[in-house]
Protein backbone atom coordinates (compact mmCIF):
# COMPACT_ATOMS: atom_id res chain seq x y z
CA MET A 1 -45.08 75.73 -47.64
CA LEU A 2 -45.56 79.31 -48.83
CA PRO A 3 -47.45 79.93 -52.05
CA LEU A 4 -44.99 80.48 -54.86
CA VAL A 5 -45.83 84.17 -55.25
CA LEU A 6 -44.92 84.76 -51.58
CA ALA A 7 -41.79 82.61 -51.52
CA GLU A 8 -38.57 84.60 -51.49
CA LEU A 9 -35.95 83.91 -54.07
CA PRO A 10 -32.51 83.10 -52.71
CA PRO A 11 -30.38 86.25 -52.94
CA TYR A 12 -28.72 86.29 -56.33
CA ASP A 13 -28.91 89.51 -58.34
CA PRO A 14 -31.34 92.03 -56.83
CA GLU A 15 -31.58 94.34 -59.85
CA ASN A 16 -31.78 91.73 -62.61
CA VAL A 17 -33.63 88.92 -60.87
CA GLU A 18 -35.34 89.59 -57.53
CA GLN A 19 -36.70 93.08 -58.32
CA ARG A 20 -37.89 92.05 -61.78
CA VAL A 21 -39.60 88.96 -60.40
CA GLN A 22 -41.35 91.00 -57.70
CA SER A 23 -42.48 93.54 -60.29
CA ALA A 24 -43.86 90.76 -62.51
CA ILE A 25 -45.72 89.22 -59.55
CA LEU A 26 -47.31 92.56 -58.68
CA LYS A 27 -48.25 93.17 -62.30
CA PHE A 28 -49.77 89.71 -62.66
CA ARG A 29 -51.71 89.75 -59.38
CA ARG A 30 -53.34 93.14 -59.79
CA SER A 31 -57.03 92.46 -59.36
CA ARG A 32 -57.89 94.38 -62.49
CA SER A 33 -54.95 93.22 -64.55
CA SER A 34 -55.91 92.89 -68.17
CA LEU A 35 -54.79 90.03 -70.36
CA ASP A 36 -52.19 92.41 -71.79
CA GLY A 37 -50.92 93.09 -68.26
CA LYS A 38 -50.73 89.37 -67.54
CA ARG A 39 -48.90 88.75 -70.83
CA ASP A 40 -46.45 91.54 -69.91
CA ALA A 41 -45.82 89.90 -66.53
CA VAL A 42 -45.13 86.56 -68.24
CA ARG A 43 -42.80 88.32 -70.69
CA ASP A 44 -40.98 89.93 -67.75
CA LEU A 45 -40.37 86.49 -66.25
CA ALA A 46 -39.15 85.23 -69.63
CA ASP A 47 -36.68 88.12 -69.63
CA VAL A 48 -35.37 87.03 -66.22
CA LEU A 49 -34.94 83.48 -67.52
CA GLU A 50 -33.07 84.89 -70.50
CA PHE A 51 -30.79 86.82 -68.13
CA LEU A 52 -30.10 83.61 -66.18
CA GLU A 53 -29.59 81.51 -69.30
CA PRO A 54 -25.79 81.94 -69.59
CA GLN A 55 -25.32 80.87 -65.96
CA ILE A 56 -27.58 77.82 -66.29
CA LYS A 57 -25.65 76.32 -69.22
CA GLY A 58 -24.09 73.09 -68.10
CA VAL A 59 -26.42 72.89 -65.09
CA VAL A 60 -29.59 71.86 -66.96
CA LEU A 61 -29.93 70.13 -70.30
CA LYS A 62 -30.01 72.40 -73.35
CA LYS A 63 -33.34 70.87 -74.39
CA ASP A 64 -34.92 71.70 -71.01
CA GLU A 65 -33.66 75.27 -71.25
CA SER A 66 -34.91 75.58 -74.83
CA ASN A 67 -38.40 74.34 -73.96
CA LEU A 68 -38.99 77.27 -71.59
CA PHE A 69 -38.31 79.81 -74.32
CA GLN A 70 -40.28 77.86 -76.92
CA ILE A 71 -43.43 78.41 -74.86
CA ALA A 72 -43.00 82.18 -74.85
CA ASN A 73 -42.05 82.24 -78.51
CA GLN A 74 -44.79 79.91 -79.77
CA PHE A 75 -47.69 81.33 -77.75
CA GLY A 76 -47.24 84.96 -78.75
CA ILE A 77 -45.75 86.07 -75.43
CA ARG A 78 -42.56 87.34 -77.00
CA HIS A 79 -42.19 88.53 -80.56
CA HIS A 80 -45.09 89.05 -82.94
CA LYS A 81 -45.14 86.62 -85.85
CA ASP A 82 -47.86 85.08 -87.98
CA ALA A 83 -46.67 81.56 -87.21
CA GLN A 84 -47.29 81.94 -83.48
CA GLN A 85 -50.27 80.24 -81.94
CA GLN A 86 -52.90 82.80 -80.94
CA ASP A 87 -56.08 80.71 -80.76
CA TYR A 88 -56.05 79.58 -77.12
CA ASP A 89 -57.67 80.58 -73.85
CA LYS A 90 -55.24 83.29 -72.82
CA ALA A 91 -56.61 83.68 -69.28
CA ILE A 92 -55.88 80.03 -68.55
CA PHE A 93 -52.60 79.74 -70.43
CA TYR A 94 -51.11 83.00 -69.10
CA SER A 95 -51.67 81.75 -65.54
CA TRP A 96 -50.08 78.39 -66.36
CA ILE A 97 -47.08 79.97 -68.07
CA PHE A 98 -46.64 82.58 -65.33
CA TYR A 99 -46.44 80.01 -62.52
CA TYR A 100 -44.32 77.65 -64.64
CA TYR A 101 -41.81 80.45 -65.29
CA LEU A 102 -41.87 81.62 -61.68
CA ALA A 103 -41.15 78.09 -60.44
CA SER A 104 -38.44 77.73 -63.07
CA ILE A 105 -36.73 80.93 -61.92
CA HIS A 106 -36.74 79.66 -58.33
CA ALA A 107 -35.25 76.36 -59.48
CA TRP A 108 -32.66 77.95 -61.78
CA VAL A 109 -31.39 80.37 -59.13
CA LYS A 110 -31.04 77.52 -56.64
CA LEU A 111 -29.27 75.32 -59.22
CA ILE A 112 -26.91 78.13 -60.26
CA LYS A 113 -26.03 78.91 -56.64
CA LYS A 114 -25.50 75.21 -55.89
CA ALA A 115 -23.24 74.77 -58.94
CA LYS A 116 -21.18 77.83 -57.98
CA SER A 117 -20.77 76.64 -54.41
CA GLN A 118 -19.52 73.25 -55.61
CA SER A 119 -17.04 74.55 -58.18
CA PRO A 120 -13.42 75.00 -57.14
């Protein structure tokens, strides 16, 4: 099995999904990527999930979908609010969130394509 960062996404929407995911992977994997660069890569993946959100409705539970965005919103990845949690090991959490989002995008694209192929 290929590592997730090398696995190709099923063709779906090159401009809004595949290219953005590849850009986020490159940004995240840069050997000298700062924490800000890693956070930006995570935010880029969150943006892809947000783009896919309308198509995933009815395919996954609303609560599951909501949980993905809650991570980005509560851990200061997206937005900038006092209520967001900021006191955590960003190097560890950014890696966790990045791979969680990347795996979620792979799953969502596959689920969306499957649902479309099964609909009349």
